[in-house]
Amino acid sequence: MKLFSTLLKKLVVHNSYLYDANGKATVKKHKLTVIKHGKFVYVWNNGEEFRIKGKKFYRLANGKFIKVANLQTVKAIKIKHYRARLYDKNGELLKKHITLTKGKCYWAWNDAKIVKIHGKKYYRVGKNRYVRANKAAKVEITTALDADKLK
């Protein structure tokens, strides 16, 4: 079916309002329509950006719009090492000592591009959450876990 070949899956990284074609936030049952962070949405035309009142938006499959800054493209990584720990944006271990489980897959932000922090390579797996690149590998799958939901 041709419709699905034009949709691109994106991760909502910040709670996001939905907008109409005029740039006004949409309302449902007397409340602003919000998509919670951690959810996935499908953007139209393989991620074509639209400008409304000078701001960048993606058009969603339902005809509404969402701000570009609130979405990330994701790919999955598979943890290949026992006890892969999470680090913050400064390359320091998180205080809660959260570990990712060997053999499980997690969503990595920015198409699983590697970022360097103090000369070491990491994948970004959540808001201020990074895992060492030597502890994981990219994989092509359609379902994975969200590291932001780990406590």
Protein backbone atom coordinates (compact mmCIF):
# COMPACT_ATOMS: atom_id res chain seq x y z
CA MET A 1 0.00 0.00 0.00
CA LYS A 2 1.53 3.32 -1.04
CA LEU A 3 0.30 5.28 2.01
CA PHE A 4 2.59 3.48 4.45
CA SER A 5 5.69 4.00 2.32
CA THR A 6 5.46 7.74 3.00
CA LEU A 7 5.19 7.51 6.80
CA LEU A 8 8.24 7.79 9.07
CA LYS A 9 8.25 6.64 12.70
CA LYS A 10 9.50 9.21 15.25
CA LEU A 11 9.84 9.21 19.04
CA VAL A 12 8.27 11.99 21.10
CA VAL A 13 11.05 13.20 23.45
CA HIS A 14 9.09 16.01 25.16
CA ASN A 15 5.40 16.22 25.98
CA SER A 16 4.01 17.85 22.83
CA TYR A 17 0.90 19.73 21.82
CA LEU A 18 -0.77 18.99 18.52
CA TYR A 19 -1.48 21.92 16.19
CA ASP A 20 -3.81 22.61 13.29
CA ALA A 21 -2.72 24.00 9.90
CA ASN A 22 -2.96 27.56 11.28
CA GLY A 23 -0.51 26.88 14.14
CA LYS A 24 -3.17 26.84 16.88
CA ALA A 25 -3.06 24.11 19.51
CA THR A 26 -5.89 21.62 19.06
CA VAL A 27 -8.46 20.98 21.78
CA LYS A 28 -10.29 17.76 22.62
CA LYS A 29 -12.95 17.65 25.37
CA HIS A 30 -12.02 21.17 26.53
CA LYS A 31 -8.33 20.22 27.00
CA LEU A 32 -5.30 20.85 24.82
CA THR A 33 -4.28 17.74 22.91
CA VAL A 34 -0.96 16.43 24.27
CA ILE A 35 1.17 13.49 23.21
CA LYS A 36 3.26 12.24 26.12
CA HIS A 37 7.00 11.74 25.85
CA GLY A 38 8.04 8.18 25.08
CA LYS A 39 5.22 7.61 22.56
CA PHE A 40 5.76 7.07 18.86
CA VAL A 41 4.09 9.02 16.06
CA TYR A 42 4.14 8.64 12.29
CA VAL A 43 5.05 11.74 10.29
CA TRP A 44 3.85 12.31 6.75
CA ASN A 45 5.98 12.46 3.54
CA ASN A 46 9.06 10.82 5.09
CA GLY A 47 9.57 13.65 7.55
CA GLU A 48 8.96 16.65 5.31
CA GLU A 49 9.06 19.83 7.40
CA PHE A 50 6.38 22.52 7.22
CA ARG A 51 6.71 26.12 8.36
CA ILE A 52 3.77 27.64 10.20
CA LYS A 53 4.25 31.16 11.60
CA GLY A 54 8.03 30.74 11.30
CA LYS A 55 8.19 27.52 13.32
CA LYS A 56 9.04 24.05 11.97
CA PHE A 57 6.44 21.30 12.14
CA TYR A 58 5.92 17.75 10.93
CA ARG A 59 2.54 16.72 9.59
CA LEU A 60 1.20 13.62 11.31
CA ALA A 61 -0.81 10.86 9.68
CA ASN A 62 -4.00 12.22 11.32
CA GLY A 63 -3.58 15.62 9.61
CA LYS A 64 -2.43 17.44 12.76
CA PHE A 65 1.00 19.04 13.19
CA ILE A 66 3.70 18.62 15.85
CA LYS A 67 6.84 20.69 16.44
CA VAL A 68 10.06 19.28 14.95
CA ALA A 69 12.03 19.97 18.15
CA ASN A 70 9.86 17.52 20.11
CA LEU A 71 10.65 14.47 17.97
CA GLN A 72 13.69 12.26 17.37
CA THR A 73 14.39 9.57 14.83
CA VAL A 74 15.31 6.32 16.57
CA LYS A 75 16.97 3.03 15.76
CA ALA A 76 17.40 0.05 18.04
CA ILE A 77 20.57 -1.11 19.75
CA LYS A 78 21.08 -4.52 21.34
CA ILE A 79 23.06 -4.78 24.56
CA LYS A 80 25.90 -7.25 24.04
CA HIS A 81 27.61 -6.99 27.42
CA TYR A 82 26.57 -8.05 30.89
CA ARG A 83 25.84 -4.94 33.02
CA ALA A 84 25.85 -2.11 30.51
CA ARG A 85 25.49 0.93 32.75
CA LEU A 86 23.89 4.27 31.99
CA TYR A 87 25.83 7.53 32.00
CA ASP A 88 24.84 11.20 31.99
CA LYS A 89 25.78 13.87 29.43
CA ASN A 90 29.11 14.42 31.25
CA GLY A 91 30.12 10.76 30.96
CA GLU A 92 29.54 10.05 34.65
CA LEU A 93 27.58 7.05 35.96
CA LEU A 94 24.00 7.79 36.90
CA LYS A 95 23.54 7.91 40.67
CA LYS A 96 20.88 5.18 40.55
CA HIS A 97 23.35 2.78 38.83
CA ILE A 98 20.80 1.66 36.26
CA THR A 99 22.02 -1.20 34.08
CA LEU A 100 20.70 -2.37 30.73
CA THR A 101 20.17 -6.10 30.37
CA LYS A 102 22.33 -8.18 28.04
CA GLY A 103 20.42 -9.42 24.99
CA LYS A 104 17.61 -6.84 25.24
CA CYS A 105 17.03 -4.10 22.68
CA TYR A 106 16.57 -0.41 23.48
CA TRP A 107 15.73 2.64 21.36
CA ALA A 108 18.72 4.86 20.59
CA TRP A 109 18.05 8.48 19.64
CA ASN A 110 19.31 10.30 16.52
CA ASP A 111 19.29 7.15 14.35
CA ALA A 112 21.71 5.50 16.80
CA LYS A 113 24.52 7.90 15.92
CA ILE A 114 27.51 7.67 18.19
CA VAL A 115 28.35 10.72 20.31
CA LYS A 116 31.70 11.36 21.96
CA ILE A 117 31.94 12.46 25.58
CA HIS A 118 35.49 13.06 26.84
CA GLY A 119 36.85 10.93 23.98
CA LYS A 120 34.64 7.91 24.73
CA LYS A 121 31.85 6.74 22.40
CA TYR A 122 28.23 6.47 23.54
CA TYR A 123 24.72 5.91 22.18
CA ARG A 124 22.05 8.25 23.50
CA VAL A 125 19.18 6.12 24.80
CA GLY A 126 17.12 8.71 26.65
CA LYS A 127 16.92 12.14 28.17
CA ASN A 128 20.41 12.60 29.68
CA ARG A 129 20.98 8.82 29.41
CA TYR A 130 23.85 7.29 27.47
CA VAL A 131 25.29 3.79 27.14
CA ARG A 132 28.88 3.02 26.10
CA ALA A 133 29.04 2.10 22.40
CA ASN A 134 31.35 -0.85 23.05
CA LYS A 135 28.58 -2.45 25.15
CA ALA A 136 25.92 -2.34 22.40
CA ALA A 137 25.40 -2.83 18.67
CA LYS A 138 22.86 -1.48 16.15
CA VAL A 139 20.13 -3.88 15.09
CA GLU A 140 17.24 -3.72 12.61
CA ILE A 141 14.06 -4.49 14.56
CA THR A 142 10.67 -2.88 15.01
CA THR A 143 10.19 -3.21 18.79
CA ALA A 144 12.52 -2.24 21.63
CA LEU A 145 12.47 -0.91 25.18
CA ASP A 146 12.61 2.74 26.27
CA ALA A 147 15.55 3.43 28.61
CA ASP A 148 13.79 6.55 29.92
CA LYS A 149 11.20 4.30 31.59
CA LEU A 150 13.82 2.45 33.67
CA LYS A 151 14.04 3.41 37.32
